[in-house]
Full PDB file with SEQRES, HELIX, SHEET, SSBOND, CRYST1, ORIGX, SCALE, CONECT and MASTER records, all heavy atoms in Angstrom:
SEQRES   1 A   34  THR PHE PRO THR VAL ALA ARG SER PHE HIS SER GLU TYR          
SEQRES   2 A   34  ILE ALA PRO GLN GLN ALA LEU LEU TRP GLU ILE ILE GLN          
SEQRES   3 A   34  GLU GLY VAL GLN SER GLY ALA PHE                              
HELIX    1 AA1 PRO A    3  PHE A    9  1                                   7    
HELIX    2 AA2 HIS A   10  ILE A   14  3                                   5    
HELIX    3 AA3 ALA A   15  SER A   31  1                                  17    
CRYST1    1.000    1.000    1.000  90.00  90.00  90.00 P 1           1          
ORIGX1      1.000000  0.000000  0.000000        0.00000                         
ORIGX2      0.000000  1.000000  0.000000        0.00000                         
ORIGX3      0.000000  0.000000  1.000000        0.00000                         
SCALE1      1.000000  0.000000  0.000000        0.00000                         
SCALE2      0.000000  1.000000  0.000000        0.00000                         
SCALE3      0.000000  0.000000  1.000000        0.00000                         
ATOM      1  N   THR A   1     110.725  -8.924  55.021  1.00  0.00           N  
ATOM      2  CA  THR A   1     110.496 -10.370  54.998  1.00  0.00           C  
ATOM      3  C   THR A   1     109.507 -10.878  54.078  1.00  0.00           C  
ATOM      4  O   THR A   1     109.726 -11.961  53.449  1.00  0.00           O  
ATOM      5  CB  THR A   1     110.159 -10.790  56.446  1.00  0.00           C  
ATOM      6  OG1 THR A   1     111.015 -10.173  57.431  1.00  0.00           O  
ATOM      7  CG2 THR A   1     110.222 -12.175  56.690  1.00  0.00           C  
ATOM      8  N   PHE A   2     108.541 -10.001  53.830  1.00  0.00           N  
ATOM      9  CA  PHE A   2     107.438 -10.463  52.864  1.00  0.00           C  
ATOM     10  C   PHE A   2     107.272  -9.368  51.750  1.00  0.00           C  
ATOM     11  O   PHE A   2     106.552  -8.451  52.062  1.00  0.00           O  
ATOM     12  CB  PHE A   2     106.113 -10.538  53.593  1.00  0.00           C  
ATOM     13  CG  PHE A   2     106.171 -11.647  54.775  1.00  0.00           C  
ATOM     14  CD1 PHE A   2     106.364 -11.271  56.066  1.00  0.00           C  
ATOM     15  CD2 PHE A   2     106.026 -13.027  54.456  1.00  0.00           C  
ATOM     16  CE1 PHE A   2     106.469 -12.194  57.127  1.00  0.00           C  
ATOM     17  CE2 PHE A   2     106.054 -13.861  55.419  1.00  0.00           C  
ATOM     18  CZ  PHE A   2     106.176 -13.606  56.723  1.00  0.00           C  
ATOM     19  N   PRO A   3     108.108  -9.548  50.698  1.00  0.00           N  
ATOM     20  CA  PRO A   3     108.096  -8.478  49.614  1.00  0.00           C  
ATOM     21  C   PRO A   3     106.727  -8.173  48.988  1.00  0.00           C  
ATOM     22  O   PRO A   3     106.518  -7.129  48.431  1.00  0.00           O  
ATOM     23  CB  PRO A   3     109.032  -9.057  48.693  1.00  0.00           C  
ATOM     24  CG  PRO A   3     109.974 -10.054  49.413  1.00  0.00           C  
ATOM     25  CD  PRO A   3     109.167 -10.646  50.463  1.00  0.00           C  
ATOM     26  N   THR A   4     105.839  -9.305  49.163  1.00  0.00           N  
ATOM     27  CA  THR A   4     104.528  -9.095  48.526  1.00  0.00           C  
ATOM     28  C   THR A   4     103.877  -7.976  49.383  1.00  0.00           C  
ATOM     29  O   THR A   4     102.931  -7.372  48.709  1.00  0.00           O  
ATOM     30  CB  THR A   4     103.703 -10.327  48.559  1.00  0.00           C  
ATOM     31  OG1 THR A   4     103.707 -10.957  49.915  1.00  0.00           O  
ATOM     32  CG2 THR A   4     104.344 -11.408  47.650  1.00  0.00           C  
ATOM     33  N   VAL A   5     104.148  -7.826  50.561  1.00  0.00           N  
ATOM     34  CA  VAL A   5     103.417  -6.667  51.328  1.00  0.00           C  
ATOM     35  C   VAL A   5     103.859  -5.409  50.778  1.00  0.00           C  
ATOM     36  O   VAL A   5     102.926  -4.435  50.478  1.00  0.00           O  
ATOM     37  CB  VAL A   5     103.903  -6.680  52.792  1.00  0.00           C  
ATOM     38  CG1 VAL A   5     103.426  -5.602  53.454  1.00  0.00           C  
ATOM     39  CG2 VAL A   5     103.346  -8.018  53.505  1.00  0.00           C  
ATOM     40  N   ALA A   6     105.162  -5.132  50.500  1.00  0.00           N  
ATOM     41  CA  ALA A   6     105.623  -3.916  49.862  1.00  0.00           C  
ATOM     42  C   ALA A   6     105.082  -3.777  48.446  1.00  0.00           C  
ATOM     43  O   ALA A   6     104.519  -2.624  48.037  1.00  0.00           O  
ATOM     44  CB  ALA A   6     107.079  -3.923  49.831  1.00  0.00           C  
ATOM     45  N   ARG A   7     105.071  -4.730  47.660  1.00  0.00           N  
ATOM     46  CA  ARG A   7     104.544  -4.686  46.424  1.00  0.00           C  
ATOM     47  C   ARG A   7     103.077  -4.319  46.351  1.00  0.00           C  
ATOM     48  O   ARG A   7     102.627  -3.580  45.564  1.00  0.00           O  
ATOM     49  CB  ARG A   7     104.769  -6.128  45.617  1.00  0.00           C  
ATOM     50  CG  ARG A   7     104.375  -6.100  44.165  1.00  0.00           C  
ATOM     51  CD  ARG A   7     105.204  -5.128  43.292  1.00  0.00           C  
ATOM     52  NE  ARG A   7     106.603  -5.526  43.294  1.00  0.00           N  
ATOM     53  CZ  ARG A   7     107.526  -4.736  42.708  1.00  0.00           C  
ATOM     54  NH1 ARG A   7     107.099  -3.633  42.052  1.00  0.00           N  
ATOM     55  NH2 ARG A   7     108.830  -5.161  42.770  1.00  0.00           N  
ATOM     56  N   SER A   8     102.219  -4.975  47.179  1.00  0.00           N  
ATOM     57  CA  SER A   8     100.812  -4.783  47.200  1.00  0.00           C  
ATOM     58  C   SER A   8     100.553  -3.326  47.621  1.00  0.00           C  
ATOM     59  O   SER A   8      99.696  -2.581  47.040  1.00  0.00           O  
ATOM     60  CB  SER A   8     100.118  -5.550  48.151  1.00  0.00           C  
ATOM     61  OG  SER A   8     100.241  -6.929  47.665  1.00  0.00           O  
ATOM     62  N   PHE A   9     101.214  -2.815  48.639  1.00  0.00           N  
ATOM     63  CA  PHE A   9     101.082  -1.589  49.181  1.00  0.00           C  
ATOM     64  C   PHE A   9     101.424  -0.416  48.174  1.00  0.00           C  
ATOM     65  O   PHE A   9     100.712   0.477  48.060  1.00  0.00           O  
ATOM     66  CB  PHE A   9     101.953  -1.380  50.568  1.00  0.00           C  
ATOM     67  CG  PHE A   9     101.747  -0.154  51.303  1.00  0.00           C  
ATOM     68  CD1 PHE A   9     100.478   0.188  51.760  1.00  0.00           C  
ATOM     69  CD2 PHE A   9     102.881   0.730  51.539  1.00  0.00           C  
ATOM     70  CE1 PHE A   9     100.366   1.385  52.376  1.00  0.00           C  
ATOM     71  CE2 PHE A   9     102.717   1.806  52.206  1.00  0.00           C  
ATOM     72  CZ  PHE A   9     101.368   2.252  52.690  1.00  0.00           C  
ATOM     73  N   HIS A  10     102.599  -0.716  47.476  1.00  0.00           N  
ATOM     74  CA  HIS A  10     102.975   0.230  46.513  1.00  0.00           C  
ATOM     75  C   HIS A  10     101.971   0.302  45.317  1.00  0.00           C  
ATOM     76  O   HIS A  10     101.404   1.338  44.829  1.00  0.00           O  
ATOM     77  CB  HIS A  10     104.278  -0.020  45.957  1.00  0.00           C  
ATOM     78  CG  HIS A  10     104.900   0.936  45.044  1.00  0.00           C  
ATOM     79  ND1 HIS A  10     104.726   0.828  43.698  1.00  0.00           N  
ATOM     80  CD2 HIS A  10     105.613   2.055  45.207  1.00  0.00           C  
ATOM     81  CE1 HIS A  10     105.186   2.053  43.129  1.00  0.00           C  
ATOM     82  NE2 HIS A  10     105.749   2.614  43.922  1.00  0.00           N  
ATOM     83  N   SER A  11     101.580  -0.851  44.760  1.00  0.00           N  
ATOM     84  CA  SER A  11     100.729  -0.827  43.598  1.00  0.00           C  
ATOM     85  C   SER A  11      99.300  -0.476  43.756  1.00  0.00           C  
ATOM     86  O   SER A  11      98.770   0.205  42.941  1.00  0.00           O  
ATOM     87  CB  SER A  11     100.727  -2.335  42.871  1.00  0.00           C  
ATOM     88  OG  SER A  11     100.247  -3.280  43.783  1.00  0.00           O  
ATOM     89  N   GLU A  12      98.776  -0.779  45.025  1.00  0.00           N  
ATOM     90  CA  GLU A  12      97.481  -0.512  45.233  1.00  0.00           C  
ATOM     91  C   GLU A  12      97.148   0.826  46.066  1.00  0.00           C  
ATOM     92  O   GLU A  12      95.995   1.363  45.910  1.00  0.00           O  
ATOM     93  CB  GLU A  12      96.795  -1.626  46.107  1.00  0.00           C  
ATOM     94  CG  GLU A  12      96.767  -2.921  45.494  1.00  0.00           C  
ATOM     95  CD  GLU A  12      95.909  -3.120  44.203  1.00  0.00           C  
ATOM     96  OE1 GLU A  12      95.009  -2.304  44.244  1.00  0.00           O  
ATOM     97  OE2 GLU A  12      96.231  -3.967  43.470  1.00  0.00           O  
ATOM     98  N   TYR A  13      98.196   1.313  46.641  1.00  0.00           N  
ATOM     99  CA  TYR A  13      98.026   2.639  47.235  1.00  0.00           C  
ATOM    100  C   TYR A  13      98.991   3.769  46.911  1.00  0.00           C  
ATOM    101  O   TYR A  13      98.540   4.852  46.492  1.00  0.00           O  
ATOM    102  CB  TYR A  13      98.034   2.527  48.844  1.00  0.00           C  
ATOM    103  CG  TYR A  13      98.085   3.824  49.563  1.00  0.00           C  
ATOM    104  CD1 TYR A  13      96.895   4.601  49.486  1.00  0.00           C  
ATOM    105  CD2 TYR A  13      99.218   4.412  50.085  1.00  0.00           C  
ATOM    106  CE1 TYR A  13      96.789   5.903  50.110  1.00  0.00           C  
ATOM    107  CE2 TYR A  13      99.191   5.703  50.770  1.00  0.00           C  
ATOM    108  CZ  TYR A  13      98.065   6.347  50.558  1.00  0.00           C  
ATOM    109  OH  TYR A  13      98.091   7.594  51.257  1.00  0.00           O  
ATOM    110  N   ILE A  14     100.309   3.474  46.978  1.00  0.00           N  
ATOM    111  CA  ILE A  14     101.363   4.510  46.836  1.00  0.00           C  
ATOM    112  C   ILE A  14     101.261   5.002  45.278  1.00  0.00           C  
ATOM    113  O   ILE A  14     101.182   6.181  45.101  1.00  0.00           O  
ATOM    114  CB  ILE A  14     102.718   3.962  47.152  1.00  0.00           C  
ATOM    115  CG1 ILE A  14     102.803   3.579  48.563  1.00  0.00           C  
ATOM    116  CG2 ILE A  14     103.780   4.900  46.723  1.00  0.00           C  
ATOM    117  CD1 ILE A  14     102.755   4.757  49.495  1.00  0.00           C  
ATOM    118  N   ALA A  15     101.180   4.006  44.321  1.00  0.00           N  
ATOM    119  CA  ALA A  15     101.126   4.439  43.048  1.00  0.00           C  
ATOM    120  C   ALA A  15      99.908   5.325  42.530  1.00  0.00           C  
ATOM    121  O   ALA A  15     100.062   6.341  42.018  1.00  0.00           O  
ATOM    122  CB  ALA A  15     101.275   3.287  41.973  1.00  0.00           C  
ATOM    123  N   PRO A  16      98.697   4.868  43.063  1.00  0.00           N  
ATOM    124  CA  PRO A  16      97.529   5.760  42.626  1.00  0.00           C  
ATOM    125  C   PRO A  16      97.530   7.090  43.301  1.00  0.00           C  
ATOM    126  O   PRO A  16      97.249   8.017  42.793  1.00  0.00           O  
ATOM    127  CB  PRO A  16      96.366   4.798  43.138  1.00  0.00           C  
ATOM    128  CG  PRO A  16      96.979   3.493  43.143  1.00  0.00           C  
ATOM    129  CD  PRO A  16      98.247   3.615  43.536  1.00  0.00           C  
ATOM    130  N   GLN A  17      98.010   7.026  44.596  1.00  0.00           N  
ATOM    131  CA  GLN A  17      98.237   8.257  45.335  1.00  0.00           C  
ATOM    132  C   GLN A  17      99.215   9.369  44.490  1.00  0.00           C  
ATOM    133  O   GLN A  17      98.868  10.447  44.376  1.00  0.00           O  
ATOM    134  CB  GLN A  17      98.718   7.946  46.748  1.00  0.00           C  
ATOM    135  CG  GLN A  17      99.280   9.111  47.534  1.00  0.00           C  
ATOM    136  CD  GLN A  17     100.255   8.733  48.613  1.00  0.00           C  
ATOM    137  OE1 GLN A  17      99.738   8.332  49.579  1.00  0.00           O  
ATOM    138  NE2 GLN A  17     101.543   8.696  48.427  1.00  0.00           N  
ATOM    139  N   GLN A  18     100.218   8.771  44.184  1.00  0.00           N  
ATOM    140  CA  GLN A  18     101.214   9.637  43.571  1.00  0.00           C  
ATOM    141  C   GLN A  18     100.655  10.077  42.157  1.00  0.00           C  
ATOM    142  O   GLN A  18     100.821  11.276  41.789  1.00  0.00           O  
ATOM    143  CB  GLN A  18     102.529   8.901  43.251  1.00  0.00           C  
ATOM    144  CG  GLN A  18     103.395   8.574  44.464  1.00  0.00           C  
ATOM    145  CD  GLN A  18     104.727   7.870  44.262  1.00  0.00           C  
ATOM    146  OE1 GLN A  18     104.741   7.206  43.228  1.00  0.00           O  
ATOM    147  NE2 GLN A  18     105.503   7.940  45.269  1.00  0.00           N  
ATOM    148  N   ALA A  19      99.892   9.273  41.480  1.00  0.00           N  
ATOM    149  CA  ALA A  19      99.252   9.591  40.342  1.00  0.00           C  
ATOM    150  C   ALA A  19      98.266  10.814  40.439  1.00  0.00           C  
ATOM    151  O   ALA A  19      98.204  11.677  39.657  1.00  0.00           O  
ATOM    152  CB  ALA A  19      98.556   8.450  39.570  1.00  0.00           C  
ATOM    153  N   LEU A  20      97.512  10.789  41.550  1.00  0.00           N  
ATOM    154  CA  LEU A  20      96.641  11.787  41.839  1.00  0.00           C  
ATOM    155  C   LEU A  20      97.251  13.094  42.218  1.00  0.00           C  
ATOM    156  O   LEU A  20      96.890  14.293  41.637  1.00  0.00           O  
ATOM    157  CB  LEU A  20      95.760  11.473  43.011  1.00  0.00           C  
ATOM    158  CG  LEU A  20      94.583  10.326  42.723  1.00  0.00           C  
ATOM    159  CD1 LEU A  20      94.030   9.779  43.937  1.00  0.00           C  
ATOM    160  CD2 LEU A  20      93.498  11.070  41.727  1.00  0.00           C  
ATOM    161  N   LEU A  21      98.385  12.967  42.937  1.00  0.00           N  
ATOM    162  CA  LEU A  21      99.226  14.263  43.231  1.00  0.00           C  
ATOM    163  C   LEU A  21      99.891  14.811  41.892  1.00  0.00           C  
ATOM    164  O   LEU A  21      99.816  16.055  41.829  1.00  0.00           O  
ATOM    165  CB  LEU A  21     100.209  13.882  44.335  1.00  0.00           C  
ATOM    166  CG  LEU A  21      99.826  13.911  45.668  1.00  0.00           C  
ATOM    167  CD1 LEU A  21     101.081  13.532  46.585  1.00  0.00           C  
ATOM    168  CD2 LEU A  21      99.446  15.222  46.198  1.00  0.00           C  
ATOM    169  N   TRP A  22     100.202  13.939  41.137  1.00  0.00           N  
ATOM    170  CA  TRP A  22     100.889  14.448  39.967  1.00  0.00           C  
ATOM    171  C   TRP A  22      99.822  15.045  38.915  1.00  0.00           C  
ATOM    172  O   TRP A  22     100.180  16.100  38.246  1.00  0.00           O  
ATOM    173  CB  TRP A  22     101.664  13.293  39.088  1.00  0.00           C  
ATOM    174  CG  TRP A  22     102.368  13.806  37.953  1.00  0.00           C  
ATOM    175  CD1 TRP A  22     102.344  13.325  36.739  1.00  0.00           C  
ATOM    176  CD2 TRP A  22     103.682  14.604  38.127  1.00  0.00           C  
ATOM    177  NE1 TRP A  22     103.318  13.934  35.947  1.00  0.00           N  
ATOM    178  CE2 TRP A  22     104.202  14.593  36.823  1.00  0.00           C  
ATOM    179  CE3 TRP A  22     104.382  15.192  39.212  1.00  0.00           C  
ATOM    180  CZ2 TRP A  22     105.319  15.405  36.514  1.00  0.00           C  
ATOM    181  CZ3 TRP A  22     105.390  15.799  38.957  1.00  0.00           C  
ATOM    182  CH2 TRP A  22     105.861  16.078  37.641  1.00  0.00           C  
ATOM    183  N   GLU A  23      98.666  14.494  39.020  1.00  0.00           N  
ATOM    184  CA  GLU A  23      97.618  15.137  38.154  1.00  0.00           C  
ATOM    185  C   GLU A  23      97.378  16.565  38.711  1.00  0.00           C  
ATOM    186  O   GLU A  23      97.118  17.530  37.967  1.00  0.00           O  
ATOM    187  CB  GLU A  23      96.324  14.294  38.410  1.00  0.00           C  
ATOM    188  CG  GLU A  23      95.002  14.779  37.830  1.00  0.00           C  
ATOM    189  CD  GLU A  23      93.878  14.067  38.063  1.00  0.00           C  
ATOM    190  OE1 GLU A  23      93.953  12.691  38.064  1.00  0.00           O  
ATOM    191  OE2 GLU A  23      92.694  14.510  38.281  1.00  0.00           O  
ATOM    192  N   ILE A  24      97.339  16.742  40.002  1.00  0.00           N  
ATOM    193  CA  ILE A  24      97.039  18.139  40.607  1.00  0.00           C  
ATOM    194  C   ILE A  24      98.175  19.162  40.310  1.00  0.00           C  
ATOM    195  O   ILE A  24      97.980  20.123  39.812  1.00  0.00           O  
ATOM    196  CB  ILE A  24      96.996  18.060  42.149  1.00  0.00           C  
ATOM    197  CG1 ILE A  24      95.715  17.249  42.518  1.00  0.00           C  
ATOM    198  CG2 ILE A  24      96.984  19.452  42.764  1.00  0.00           C  
ATOM    199  CD1 ILE A  24      95.520  16.994  43.954  1.00  0.00           C  
ATOM    200  N   ILE A  25      99.488  18.567  40.273  1.00  0.00           N  
ATOM    201  CA  ILE A  25     100.567  19.375  40.000  1.00  0.00           C  
ATOM    202  C   ILE A  25     100.485  19.729  38.491  1.00  0.00           C  
ATOM    203  O   ILE A  25     100.790  20.874  38.076  1.00  0.00           O  
ATOM    204  CB  ILE A  25     101.980  18.700  40.289  1.00  0.00           C  
ATOM    205  CG1 ILE A  25     102.049  18.498  41.752  1.00  0.00           C  
ATOM    206  CG2 ILE A  25     103.239  19.332  39.774  1.00  0.00           C  
ATOM    207  CD1 ILE A  25     103.246  17.665  42.299  1.00  0.00           C  
ATOM    208  N   GLN A  26     100.379  18.871  37.625  1.00  0.00           N  
ATOM    209  CA  GLN A  26     100.166  19.045  36.191  1.00  0.00           C  
ATOM    210  C   GLN A  26      99.078  19.969  35.792  1.00  0.00           C  
ATOM    211  O   GLN A  26      99.153  20.797  34.909  1.00  0.00           O  
ATOM    212  CB  GLN A  26     100.068  17.747  35.326  1.00  0.00           C  
ATOM    213  CG  GLN A  26     101.385  16.990  35.388  1.00  0.00           C  
ATOM    214  CD  GLN A  26     102.580  17.652  34.767  1.00  0.00           C  
ATOM    215  OE1 GLN A  26     102.577  18.068  33.781  1.00  0.00           O  
ATOM    216  NE2 GLN A  26     103.487  17.852  35.850  1.00  0.00           N  
ATOM    217  N   GLU A  27      98.047  19.926  36.581  1.00  0.00           N  
ATOM    218  CA  GLU A  27      96.983  20.896  36.385  1.00  0.00           C  
ATOM    219  C   GLU A  27      97.437  22.342  36.697  1.00  0.00           C  
ATOM    220  O   GLU A  27      97.145  23.336  35.931  1.00  0.00           O  
ATOM    221  CB  GLU A  27      95.790  20.584  37.327  1.00  0.00           C  
ATOM    222  CG  GLU A  27      94.529  21.462  37.143  1.00  0.00           C  
ATOM    223  CD  GLU A  27      93.402  21.111  38.020  1.00  0.00           C  
ATOM    224  OE1 GLU A  27      93.337  19.947  38.408  1.00  0.00           O  
ATOM    225  OE2 GLU A  27      92.561  22.021  38.392  1.00  0.00           O  
ATOM    226  N   GLY A  28      98.294  22.439  37.783  1.00  0.00           N  
ATOM    227  CA  GLY A  28      98.840  23.701  38.105  1.00  0.00           C  
ATOM    228  C   GLY A  28      99.842  24.204  36.995  1.00  0.00           C  
ATOM    229  O   GLY A  28      99.817  25.437  36.684  1.00  0.00           O  
ATOM    230  N   VAL A  29     100.673  23.292  36.383  1.00  0.00           N  
ATOM    231  CA  VAL A  29     101.582  23.646  35.391  1.00  0.00           C  
ATOM    232  C   VAL A  29     100.717  24.174  34.169  1.00  0.00           C  
ATOM    233  O   VAL A  29     100.995  25.206  33.567  1.00  0.00           O  
ATOM    234  CB  VAL A  29     102.408  22.472  35.023  1.00  0.00           C  
ATOM    235  CG1 VAL A  29     103.228  22.666  33.784  1.00  0.00           C  
ATOM    236  CG2 VAL A  29     103.289  22.045  36.152  1.00  0.00           C  
ATOM    237  N   GLN A  30      99.714  23.435  33.772  1.00  0.00           N  
ATOM    238  CA  GLN A  30      98.907  23.815  32.694  1.00  0.00           C  
ATOM    239  C   GLN A  30      98.255  25.201  32.775  1.00  0.00           C  
ATOM    240  O   GLN A  30      98.031  25.921  31.896  1.00  0.00           O  
ATOM    241  CB  GLN A  30      97.917  22.708  32.260  1.00  0.00           C  
ATOM    242  CG  GLN A  30      98.420  21.514  31.826  1.00  0.00           C  
ATOM    243  CD  GLN A  30      97.490  20.282  31.700  1.00  0.00           C  
ATOM    244  OE1 GLN A  30      96.433  20.539  31.860  1.00  0.00           O  
ATOM    245  NE2 GLN A  30      98.085  19.129  31.536  1.00  0.00           N  
ATOM    246  N   SER A  31      97.903  25.464  34.024  1.00  0.00           N  
ATOM    247  CA  SER A  31      97.148  26.678  34.362  1.00  0.00           C  
ATOM    248  C   SER A  31      98.112  27.945  34.403  1.00  0.00           C  
ATOM    249  O   SER A  31      97.792  29.093  34.556  1.00  0.00           O  
ATOM    250  CB  SER A  31      96.379  26.685  35.606  1.00  0.00           C  
ATOM    251  OG  SER A  31      97.252  26.646  36.759  1.00  0.00           O  
ATOM    252  N   GLY A  32      99.520  27.599  34.590  1.00  0.00           N  
ATOM    253  CA  GLY A  32     100.538  28.638  34.713  1.00  0.00           C  
ATOM    254  C   GLY A  32     100.859  28.998  36.150  1.00  0.00           C  
ATOM    255  O   GLY A  32     101.692  29.834  36.441  1.00  0.00           O  
ATOM    256  N   ALA A  33     100.226  28.212  37.145  1.00  0.00           N  
ATOM    257  CA  ALA A  33     100.442  28.579  38.601  1.00  0.00           C  
ATOM    258  C   ALA A  33     101.679  27.913  39.070  1.00  0.00           C  
ATOM    259  O   ALA A  33     102.434  28.475  39.926  1.00  0.00           O  
ATOM    260  CB  ALA A  33      99.229  28.066  39.407  1.00  0.00           C  
ATOM    261  N   PHE A  34     102.037  26.775  38.466  1.00  0.00           N  
ATOM    262  CA  PHE A  34     103.244  25.908  38.826  1.00  0.00           C  
ATOM    263  C   PHE A  34     104.196  25.862  37.701  1.00  0.00           C  
ATOM    264  O   PHE A  34     103.813  25.804  36.602  1.00  0.00           O  
ATOM    265  CB  PHE A  34     102.767  24.497  39.298  1.00  0.00           C  
ATOM    266  CG  PHE A  34     101.910  24.362  40.492  1.00  0.00           C  
ATOM    267  CD1 PHE A  34     101.243  23.271  40.809  1.00  0.00           C  
ATOM    268  CD2 PHE A  34     101.978  25.381  41.415  1.00  0.00           C  
ATOM    269  CE1 PHE A  34     100.443  23.130  42.052  1.00  0.00           C  
ATOM    270  CE2 PHE A  34     101.111  25.273  42.607  1.00  0.00           C  
ATOM    271  CZ  PHE A  34     100.387  24.175  42.891  1.00  0.00           C  
TER     272      PHE A  34                                                      
MASTER        0    0    0    3    0    0    0    6  271    1    0    3          
END                                                                             
């Protein structure tokens, strides 16, 4: 009903959270573990 809720939630929480997880995964790739 209120798309701005979804947009705010995604841009302010989901996207940064995914970026941090991806940073961890890429660190594992670079180290040869992942």
